[in-house]
Amino acid sequence: MSEGARQSSSGPEAVPDHVAIIMDGNGRWAQMRGLPRQEGHRRGLEALRRTVRNAADAGIRFLTLYSFSTENWRRPQTEVSFLLGLLRRFVEKDLIELHQAGVRVRIIGNRADLAADLRALIERAEAMTQGNPGLTLVIAFNYGSRDEMVRAARALAEEVAAGRLSPSAITEEALSARLDTADLPDPDLVIRTSGETRVSNFLLWQAAYAEFVFTPVLWPDFDREALDEAIAQYRRRERRYGGIGSVTSRSVGVA
């Protein structure tokens, strides 16, 4: 766990330093309105843009959005192609605006099997915005936490086999340093939309001590009010990281 996550606190005025969101419910949003799933994804992209602005206005410094998982390749090819097209259009259309707003863009996930033009687009977005001082927008694309940890473990094993690393030097910090998020603080708050209450292979290592908020709001409807409500829930909680908090009835226990 990074020091950035440990230093963040909750309380009546606290704003989480790093918010991560599992964007869920596009398909159900469209189905409820008798619309094709693609329209739900289009409206979901609008919610993404809206949330980036709202997060920056709220004082959040890092915003991680789960846009496409390693499991999403199992969806129908037409839907996968549409989602990839949305990502391309988002970067191509919004990159200049994000850059002018001082947003730093980071993409996490497995890039090994991505098309060359998509990798180039990702690299261009990161290179253009790497020095920006504002909100860091992290897009989790072709991302799965188990895949990420396997890649990190493989990197450590290769260093041990090559004699560059002693097995005794493999620590939490060593593994963290080889994750996609090595340059990012751990999330303070993880939000999942659409009423589902699972983490779906998202930031399993990094979210070990995050606060979770599960909201019934479908992602295309996620707005400033929904974000503010999630932050309000975060503020009402006491973060102890396995220690003991203030002497209250709810601070009894070890979790």
C-alpha atoms as a PDB file:
ATOM      1  CA  MET A   1       0.000   0.000   0.000  1.00  0.00           C
ATOM      2  CA  SER A   2       1.352   3.393  -0.905  1.00  0.00           C
ATOM      3  CA  GLU A   3       1.986   6.149   1.606  1.00  0.00           C
ATOM      4  CA  GLY A   4      -0.444   8.343  -0.308  1.00  0.00           C
ATOM      5  CA  ALA A   5      -3.310   6.045   0.595  1.00  0.00           C
ATOM      6  CA  ARG A   6      -2.308   5.772   4.247  1.00  0.00           C
ATOM      7  CA  GLN A   7      -2.108   9.534   4.662  1.00  0.00           C
ATOM      8  CA  SER A   8      -5.586  10.147   3.262  1.00  0.00           C
ATOM      9  CA  SER A   9      -8.309  10.375   5.889  1.00  0.00           C
ATOM     10  CA  SER A  10     -12.043  10.530   6.222  1.00  0.00           C
ATOM     11  CA  GLY A  11     -14.013  13.066   8.217  1.00  0.00           C
ATOM     12  CA  PRO A  12     -16.652  15.768   7.810  1.00  0.00           C
ATOM     13  CA  GLU A  13     -14.519  17.862   5.423  1.00  0.00           C
ATOM     14  CA  ALA A  14     -12.344  15.182   3.828  1.00  0.00           C
ATOM     15  CA  VAL A  15     -12.185  14.700   0.070  1.00  0.00           C
ATOM     16  CA  PRO A  16     -10.762  11.337  -1.050  1.00  0.00           C
ATOM     17  CA  ASP A  17      -7.447  11.818  -2.817  1.00  0.00           C
ATOM     18  CA  HIS A  18      -8.057   8.894  -5.201  1.00  0.00           C
ATOM     19  CA  VAL A  19     -11.493   7.724  -6.325  1.00  0.00           C
ATOM     20  CA  ALA A  20     -11.894   4.610  -8.468  1.00  0.00           C
ATOM     21  CA  ILE A  21     -15.171   3.803 -10.213  1.00  0.00           C
ATOM     22  CA  ILE A  22     -16.522   0.582 -11.689  1.00  0.00           C
ATOM     23  CA  MET A  23     -18.776   2.009 -14.382  1.00  0.00           C
ATOM     24  CA  ASP A  24     -21.676  -0.426 -14.648  1.00  0.00           C
ATOM     25  CA  GLY A  25     -25.214  -0.376 -16.000  1.00  0.00           C
ATOM     26  CA  ASN A  26     -24.975   0.920 -19.566  1.00  0.00           C
ATOM     27  CA  GLY A  27     -26.776  -2.082 -21.023  1.00  0.00           C
ATOM     28  CA  ARG A  28     -29.548  -2.055 -18.418  1.00  0.00           C
ATOM     29  CA  TRP A  29     -29.987   1.692 -18.860  1.00  0.00           C
ATOM     30  CA  ALA A  30     -30.589   1.161 -22.587  1.00  0.00           C
ATOM     31  CA  GLN A  31     -32.802  -1.901 -22.087  1.00  0.00           C
ATOM     32  CA  MET A  32     -35.055  -0.039 -19.649  1.00  0.00           C
ATOM     33  CA  ARG A  33     -35.654   2.567 -22.375  1.00  0.00           C
ATOM     34  CA  GLY A  34     -36.080   0.161 -25.262  1.00  0.00           C
ATOM     35  CA  LEU A  35     -32.808   1.334 -26.818  1.00  0.00           C
ATOM     36  CA  PRO A  36     -29.881  -0.666 -28.259  1.00  0.00           C
ATOM     37  CA  ARG A  37     -26.965  -1.392 -25.926  1.00  0.00           C
ATOM     38  CA  GLN A  38     -24.756   0.867 -28.033  1.00  0.00           C
ATOM     39  CA  GLU A  39     -26.842   3.862 -26.981  1.00  0.00           C
ATOM     40  CA  GLY A  40     -26.218   2.953 -23.353  1.00  0.00           C
ATOM     41  CA  HIS A  41     -22.483   2.939 -24.034  1.00  0.00           C
ATOM     42  CA  ARG A  42     -22.724   6.332 -25.786  1.00  0.00           C
ATOM     43  CA  ARG A  43     -24.530   7.797 -22.780  1.00  0.00           C
ATOM     44  CA  GLY A  44     -21.959   6.128 -20.554  1.00  0.00           C
ATOM     45  CA  LEU A  45     -19.224   8.048 -22.369  1.00  0.00           C
ATOM     46  CA  GLU A  46     -21.101  11.264 -21.654  1.00  0.00           C
ATOM     47  CA  ALA A  47     -21.200  10.267 -17.975  1.00  0.00           C
ATOM     48  CA  LEU A  48     -17.453   9.662 -18.094  1.00  0.00           C
ATOM     49  CA  ARG A  49     -16.810  13.169 -19.415  1.00  0.00           C
ATOM     50  CA  ARG A  50     -19.173  14.620 -16.815  1.00  0.00           C
ATOM     51  CA  THR A  51     -17.490  12.714 -13.994  1.00  0.00           C
ATOM     52  CA  VAL A  52     -14.012  13.891 -14.977  1.00  0.00           C
ATOM     53  CA  ARG A  53     -15.195  17.503 -14.689  1.00  0.00           C
ATOM     54  CA  ASN A  54     -17.057  16.866 -11.442  1.00  0.00           C
ATOM     55  CA  ALA A  55     -14.124  15.056  -9.857  1.00  0.00           C
ATOM     56  CA  ALA A  56     -11.763  17.917 -10.670  1.00  0.00           C
ATOM     57  CA  ASP A  57     -14.253  20.435  -9.274  1.00  0.00           C
ATOM     58  CA  ALA A  58     -14.601  18.381  -6.069  1.00  0.00           C
ATOM     59  CA  GLY A  59     -10.840  18.467  -5.447  1.00  0.00           C
ATOM     60  CA  ILE A  60     -10.162  14.798  -6.233  1.00  0.00           C
ATOM     61  CA  ARG A  61      -6.574  14.385  -7.447  1.00  0.00           C
ATOM     62  CA  PHE A  62      -6.748  10.883  -8.970  1.00  0.00           C
ATOM     63  CA  LEU A  63      -9.733   9.348 -10.769  1.00  0.00           C
ATOM     64  CA  THR A  64      -9.534   5.764 -12.021  1.00  0.00           C
ATOM     65  CA  LEU A  65     -12.283   4.481 -14.309  1.00  0.00           C
ATOM     66  CA  TYR A  66     -12.766   0.805 -15.186  1.00  0.00           C
ATOM     67  CA  SER A  67     -13.553   1.095 -18.879  1.00  0.00           C
ATOM     68  CA  PHE A  68     -12.787  -2.326 -20.394  1.00  0.00           C
ATOM     69  CA  SER A  69     -11.796  -5.491 -18.563  1.00  0.00           C
ATOM     70  CA  THR A  70      -9.816  -8.486 -19.760  1.00  0.00           C
ATOM     71  CA  GLU A  71     -13.105 -10.413 -19.514  1.00  0.00           C
ATOM     72  CA  ASN A  72     -14.980  -7.983 -21.785  1.00  0.00           C
ATOM     73  CA  TRP A  73     -13.418  -9.624 -24.863  1.00  0.00           C
ATOM     74  CA  ARG A  74     -15.984 -12.420 -24.307  1.00  0.00           C
ATOM     75  CA  ARG A  75     -18.821 -10.093 -25.304  1.00  0.00           C
ATOM     76  CA  PRO A  76     -20.261 -10.215 -28.847  1.00  0.00           C
ATOM     77  CA  GLN A  77     -17.731  -8.978 -31.390  1.00  0.00           C
ATOM     78  CA  THR A  78     -20.013  -6.164 -32.540  1.00  0.00           C
ATOM     79  CA  GLU A  79     -20.188  -4.785 -28.997  1.00  0.00           C
ATOM     80  CA  VAL A  80     -16.428  -5.156 -28.462  1.00  0.00           C
ATOM     81  CA  SER A  81     -15.735  -3.294 -31.715  1.00  0.00           C
ATOM     82  CA  PHE A  82     -18.144  -0.545 -30.682  1.00  0.00           C
ATOM     83  CA  LEU A  83     -16.490  -0.161 -27.263  1.00  0.00           C
ATOM     84  CA  LEU A  84     -13.021   0.008 -28.837  1.00  0.00           C
ATOM     85  CA  GLY A  85     -14.312   2.634 -31.235  1.00  0.00           C
ATOM     86  CA  LEU A  86     -15.650   4.667 -28.316  1.00  0.00           C
ATOM     87  CA  LEU A  87     -12.238   4.596 -26.663  1.00  0.00           C
ATOM     88  CA  ARG A  88     -10.563   5.762 -29.851  1.00  0.00           C
ATOM     89  CA  ARG A  89     -13.067   8.582 -30.303  1.00  0.00           C
ATOM     90  CA  PHE A  90     -12.756   9.623 -26.666  1.00  0.00           C
ATOM     91  CA  VAL A  91      -8.978   9.967 -26.922  1.00  0.00           C
ATOM     92  CA  GLU A  92      -9.046  11.603 -30.342  1.00  0.00           C
ATOM     93  CA  LYS A  93     -11.859  14.034 -29.515  1.00  0.00           C
ATOM     94  CA  ASP A  94     -11.214  14.807 -25.841  1.00  0.00           C
ATOM     95  CA  LEU A  95      -7.421  14.655 -25.547  1.00  0.00           C
ATOM     96  CA  ILE A  96      -6.789  18.294 -26.486  1.00  0.00           C
ATOM     97  CA  GLU A  97      -9.504  19.503 -24.115  1.00  0.00           C
ATOM     98  CA  LEU A  98      -8.149  17.350 -21.284  1.00  0.00           C
ATOM     99  CA  HIS A  99      -4.641  18.609 -21.973  1.00  0.00           C
ATOM    100  CA  GLN A 100      -5.757  22.242 -21.937  1.00  0.00           C
ATOM    101  CA  ALA A 101      -7.537  21.607 -18.620  1.00  0.00           C
ATOM    102  CA  GLY A 102      -4.274  20.320 -17.115  1.00  0.00           C
ATOM    103  CA  VAL A 103      -5.466  16.710 -16.838  1.00  0.00           C
ATOM    104  CA  ARG A 104      -2.816  14.003 -16.848  1.00  0.00           C
ATOM    105  CA  VAL A 105      -3.936  10.814 -18.629  1.00  0.00           C
ATOM    106  CA  ARG A 106      -2.699   7.367 -17.596  1.00  0.00           C
ATOM    107  CA  ILE A 107      -3.800   4.058 -19.110  1.00  0.00           C
ATOM    108  CA  ILE A 108      -3.370   0.874 -17.079  1.00  0.00           C
ATOM    109  CA  GLY A 109      -3.879  -2.672 -18.306  1.00  0.00           C
ATOM    110  CA  ASN A 110      -2.238  -5.247 -20.550  1.00  0.00           C
ATOM    111  CA  ARG A 111      -1.089  -3.664 -23.809  1.00  0.00           C
ATOM    112  CA  ALA A 112       0.745  -6.685 -25.226  1.00  0.00           C
ATOM    113  CA  ASP A 113      -2.023  -7.905 -27.530  1.00  0.00           C
ATOM    114  CA  LEU A 114      -3.589  -4.570 -28.472  1.00  0.00           C
ATOM    115  CA  ALA A 115      -3.600  -3.391 -32.069  1.00  0.00           C
ATOM    116  CA  ALA A 116      -0.618  -1.223 -32.954  1.00  0.00           C
ATOM    117  CA  ASP A 117      -2.755   1.845 -33.700  1.00  0.00           C
ATOM    118  CA  LEU A 118      -4.499   1.558 -30.332  1.00  0.00           C
ATOM    119  CA  ARG A 119      -1.186   1.263 -28.485  1.00  0.00           C
ATOM    120  CA  ALA A 120       0.082   4.318 -30.358  1.00  0.00           C
ATOM    121  CA  LEU A 121      -3.037   6.268 -29.377  1.00  0.00           C
ATOM    122  CA  ILE A 122      -2.562   5.330 -25.716  1.00  0.00           C
ATOM    123  CA  GLU A 123       1.109   6.299 -25.784  1.00  0.00           C
ATOM    124  CA  ARG A 124       0.311   9.623 -27.441  1.00  0.00           C
ATOM    125  CA  ALA A 125      -2.278  10.483 -24.794  1.00  0.00           C
ATOM    126  CA  GLU A 126       0.139   9.707 -21.982  1.00  0.00           C
ATOM    127  CA  ALA A 127       3.086  11.509 -23.581  1.00  0.00           C
ATOM    128  CA  MET A 128       1.095  14.662 -24.341  1.00  0.00           C
ATOM    129  CA  THR A 129      -0.282  15.023 -20.817  1.00  0.00           C
ATOM    130  CA  GLN A 130       2.491  13.561 -18.643  1.00  0.00           C
ATOM    131  CA  GLY A 131       3.588  16.917 -17.244  1.00  0.00           C
ATOM    132  CA  ASN A 132       0.132  18.254 -16.466  1.00  0.00           C
ATOM    133  CA  PRO A 133      -0.399  19.326 -12.838  1.00  0.00           C
ATOM    134  CA  GLY A 134      -4.158  18.801 -12.508  1.00  0.00           C
ATOM    135  CA  LEU A 135      -6.368  15.756 -12.064  1.00  0.00           C
ATOM    136  CA  THR A 136      -4.768  12.441 -13.011  1.00  0.00           C
ATOM    137  CA  LEU A 137      -7.302  10.483 -15.069  1.00  0.00           C
ATOM    138  CA  VAL A 138      -6.501   6.775 -15.043  1.00  0.00           C
ATOM    139  CA  ILE A 139      -8.315   4.641 -17.611  1.00  0.00           C
ATOM    140  CA  ALA A 140      -8.245   0.914 -16.827  1.00  0.00           C
ATOM    141  CA  PHE A 141      -8.385  -0.599 -20.309  1.00  0.00           C
ATOM    142  CA  ASN A 142      -7.901  -4.299 -21.086  1.00  0.00           C
ATOM    143  CA  TYR A 143      -7.364  -4.449 -17.355  1.00  0.00           C
ATOM    144  CA  GLY A 144      -7.828  -7.307 -14.927  1.00  0.00           C
ATOM    145  CA  SER A 145      -6.301  -7.265 -11.462  1.00  0.00           C
ATOM    146  CA  ARG A 146      -5.357 -10.943 -11.520  1.00  0.00           C
ATOM    147  CA  ASP A 147      -3.643 -10.486 -14.878  1.00  0.00           C
ATOM    148  CA  GLU A 148      -1.819  -7.448 -13.474  1.00  0.00           C
ATOM    149  CA  MET A 149      -0.583  -9.395 -10.434  1.00  0.00           C
ATOM    150  CA  VAL A 150       0.507 -12.332 -12.584  1.00  0.00           C
ATOM    151  CA  ARG A 151       2.529  -9.968 -14.776  1.00  0.00           C
ATOM    152  CA  ALA A 152       4.104  -8.392 -11.694  1.00  0.00           C
ATOM    153  CA  ALA A 153       4.931 -11.799 -10.190  1.00  0.00           C
ATOM    154  CA  ARG A 154       6.431 -12.919 -13.498  1.00  0.00           C
ATOM    155  CA  ALA A 155       8.622  -9.800 -13.596  1.00  0.00           C
ATOM    156  CA  LEU A 156       9.901 -10.564 -10.089  1.00  0.00           C
ATOM    157  CA  ALA A 157      10.543 -14.200 -10.984  1.00  0.00           C
ATOM    158  CA  GLU A 158      12.522 -13.183 -14.066  1.00  0.00           C
ATOM    159  CA  GLU A 159      14.677 -10.839 -11.963  1.00  0.00           C
ATOM    160  CA  VAL A 160      15.333 -13.616  -9.433  1.00  0.00           C
ATOM    161  CA  ALA A 161      16.206 -16.085 -12.218  1.00  0.00           C
ATOM    162  CA  ALA A 162      18.607 -13.568 -13.725  1.00  0.00           C
ATOM    163  CA  GLY A 163      20.319 -13.058 -10.382  1.00  0.00           C
ATOM    164  CA  ARG A 164      19.332  -9.408 -10.119  1.00  0.00           C
ATOM    165  CA  LEU A 165      17.013  -9.915  -7.147  1.00  0.00           C
ATOM    166  CA  SER A 166      17.145 -12.065  -4.046  1.00  0.00           C
ATOM    167  CA  PRO A 167      13.958 -13.962  -3.132  1.00  0.00           C
ATOM    168  CA  SER A 168      14.196 -12.401   0.323  1.00  0.00           C
ATOM    169  CA  ALA A 169      13.893  -8.979  -1.330  1.00  0.00           C
ATOM    170  CA  ILE A 170      10.391  -9.746  -2.591  1.00  0.00           C
ATOM    171  CA  THR A 171       8.217  -7.577  -0.373  1.00  0.00           C
ATOM    172  CA  GLU A 172       4.856  -5.854  -0.659  1.00  0.00           C
ATOM    173  CA  GLU A 173       6.715  -2.779  -1.848  1.00  0.00           C
ATOM    174  CA  ALA A 174       8.620  -4.766  -4.474  1.00  0.00           C
ATOM    175  CA  LEU A 175       5.422  -6.230  -5.883  1.00  0.00           C
ATOM    176  CA  SER A 176       3.619  -2.867  -5.780  1.00  0.00           C
ATOM    177  CA  ALA A 177       6.478  -1.323  -7.743  1.00  0.00           C
ATOM    178  CA  ARG A 178       5.828  -3.745 -10.611  1.00  0.00           C
ATOM    179  CA  LEU A 179       2.083  -3.215 -10.844  1.00  0.00           C
ATOM    180  CA  ASP A 180       0.556  -0.966 -13.510  1.00  0.00           C
ATOM    181  CA  THR A 181      -0.231   1.538 -10.745  1.00  0.00           C
ATOM    182  CA  ALA A 182       3.332   1.828  -9.396  1.00  0.00           C
ATOM    183  CA  ASP A 183       3.303   5.622  -9.783  1.00  0.00           C
ATOM    184  CA  LEU A 184      -0.157   6.092  -8.268  1.00  0.00           C
ATOM    185  CA  PRO A 185      -1.490   6.172  -4.703  1.00  0.00           C
ATOM    186  CA  ASP A 186      -3.908   3.443  -3.675  1.00  0.00           C
ATOM    187  CA  PRO A 187      -7.603   4.353  -4.000  1.00  0.00           C
ATOM    188  CA  ASP A 188      -9.302   5.799  -0.951  1.00  0.00           C
ATOM    189  CA  LEU A 189     -12.820   5.272  -2.290  1.00  0.00           C
ATOM    190  CA  VAL A 190     -14.130   2.691  -4.767  1.00  0.00           C
ATOM    191  CA  ILE A 191     -17.586   3.298  -6.223  1.00  0.00           C
ATOM    192  CA  ARG A 192     -19.626   0.757  -8.163  1.00  0.00           C
ATOM    193  CA  THR A 193     -22.733   1.870  -9.967  1.00  0.00           C
ATOM    194  CA  SER A 194     -25.927  -0.008 -10.950  1.00  0.00           C
ATOM    195  CA  GLY A 195     -26.583  -1.731  -7.622  1.00  0.00           C
ATOM    196  CA  GLU A 196     -24.118  -4.598  -8.111  1.00  0.00           C
ATOM    197  CA  THR A 197     -22.037  -5.388  -5.029  1.00  0.00           C
ATOM    198  CA  ARG A 198     -18.902  -7.062  -6.363  1.00  0.00           C
ATOM    199  CA  VAL A 199     -15.457  -5.787  -7.374  1.00  0.00           C
ATOM    200  CA  SER A 200     -15.138  -7.696 -10.678  1.00  0.00           C
ATOM    201  CA  ASN A 201     -11.358  -8.171 -10.682  1.00  0.00           C
ATOM    202  CA  PHE A 202     -10.666  -4.450 -10.221  1.00  0.00           C
ATOM    203  CA  LEU A 203      -7.687  -3.136  -8.209  1.00  0.00           C
ATOM    204  CA  LEU A 204      -7.718  -6.145  -5.878  1.00  0.00           C
ATOM    205  CA  TRP A 205      -4.266  -5.382  -4.461  1.00  0.00           C
ATOM    206  CA  GLN A 206      -4.592  -1.608  -4.417  1.00  0.00           C
ATOM    207  CA  ALA A 207      -8.053  -1.473  -2.824  1.00  0.00           C
ATOM    208  CA  ALA A 208      -7.102  -3.543   0.222  1.00  0.00           C
ATOM    209  CA  TYR A 209      -8.011  -0.662   2.558  1.00  0.00           C
ATOM    210  CA  ALA A 210     -10.292   1.403   0.338  1.00  0.00           C
ATOM    211  CA  GLU A 211     -13.788   2.373   1.379  1.00  0.00           C
ATOM    212  CA  PHE A 212     -16.505   0.971  -0.910  1.00  0.00           C
ATOM    213  CA  VAL A 213     -19.759   2.604  -1.946  1.00  0.00           C
ATOM    214  CA  PHE A 214     -22.314   0.663  -3.994  1.00  0.00           C
ATOM    215  CA  THR A 215     -24.914   2.919  -5.564  1.00  0.00           C
ATOM    216  CA  PRO A 216     -28.084   1.870  -7.429  1.00  0.00           C
ATOM    217  CA  VAL A 217     -27.514   4.667  -9.962  1.00  0.00           C
ATOM    218  CA  LEU A 218     -26.881   3.296 -13.452  1.00  0.00           C
ATOM    219  CA  TRP A 219     -23.672   4.648 -14.932  1.00  0.00           C
ATOM    220  CA  PRO A 220     -25.248   6.805 -17.686  1.00  0.00           C
ATOM    221  CA  ASP A 221     -27.191   8.622 -14.915  1.00  0.00           C
ATOM    222  CA  PHE A 222     -24.169   9.117 -12.652  1.00  0.00           C
ATOM    223  CA  ASP A 223     -23.874  12.854 -11.977  1.00  0.00           C
ATOM    224  CA  ARG A 224     -22.502  15.360  -9.473  1.00  0.00           C
ATOM    225  CA  GLU A 225     -25.233  14.519  -6.972  1.00  0.00           C
ATOM    226  CA  ALA A 226     -24.314  10.809  -7.086  1.00  0.00           C
ATOM    227  CA  LEU A 227     -20.611  11.616  -6.717  1.00  0.00           C
ATOM    228  CA  ASP A 228     -21.301  13.968  -3.805  1.00  0.00           C
ATOM    229  CA  GLU A 229     -23.401  11.310  -2.070  1.00  0.00           C
ATOM    230  CA  ALA A 230     -20.575   8.765  -2.392  1.00  0.00           C
ATOM    231  CA  ILE A 231     -18.101  11.289  -0.956  1.00  0.00           C
ATOM    232  CA  ALA A 232     -20.567  12.036   1.869  1.00  0.00           C
ATOM    233  CA  GLN A 233     -20.657   8.328   2.744  1.00  0.00           C
ATOM    234  CA  TYR A 234     -16.860   8.269   2.687  1.00  0.00           C
ATOM    235  CA  ARG A 235     -16.733  11.224   5.082  1.00  0.00           C
ATOM    236  CA  ARG A 236     -18.953   9.436   7.590  1.00  0.00           C
ATOM    237  CA  ARG A 237     -16.528   6.512   7.885  1.00  0.00           C
ATOM    238  CA  GLU A 238     -13.477   6.030  10.079  1.00  0.00           C
ATOM    239  CA  ARG A 239     -10.406   4.641   8.312  1.00  0.00           C
ATOM    240  CA  ARG A 240      -8.203   2.564  10.621  1.00  0.00           C
ATOM    241  CA  TYR A 241      -6.049   0.358   8.330  1.00  0.00           C
ATOM    242  CA  GLY A 242      -6.308  -2.537  10.760  1.00  0.00           C
ATOM    243  CA  GLY A 243      -5.555  -0.356  13.801  1.00  0.00           C
ATOM    244  CA  ILE A 244      -7.776   1.078  16.499  1.00  0.00           C
ATOM    245  CA  GLY A 245      -9.662   4.291  15.946  1.00  0.00           C
ATOM    246  CA  SER A 246     -11.466   6.531  18.381  1.00  0.00           C
ATOM    247  CA  VAL A 247     -13.108   4.889  21.371  1.00  0.00           C
ATOM    248  CA  THR A 248     -16.597   4.293  20.040  1.00  0.00           C
ATOM    249  CA  SER A 249     -18.772   1.251  19.717  1.00  0.00           C
ATOM    250  CA  ARG A 250     -18.039   0.943  16.040  1.00  0.00           C
ATOM    251  CA  SER A 251     -14.258   0.945  16.551  1.00  0.00           C
ATOM    252  CA  VAL A 252     -14.328  -2.392  18.382  1.00  0.00           C
ATOM    253  CA  GLY A 253     -12.657  -5.155  16.372  1.00  0.00           C
ATOM    254  CA  VAL A 254      -9.603  -5.597  14.198  1.00  0.00           C
ATOM    255  CA  ALA A 255     -10.860  -4.825  10.688  1.00  0.00           C
END
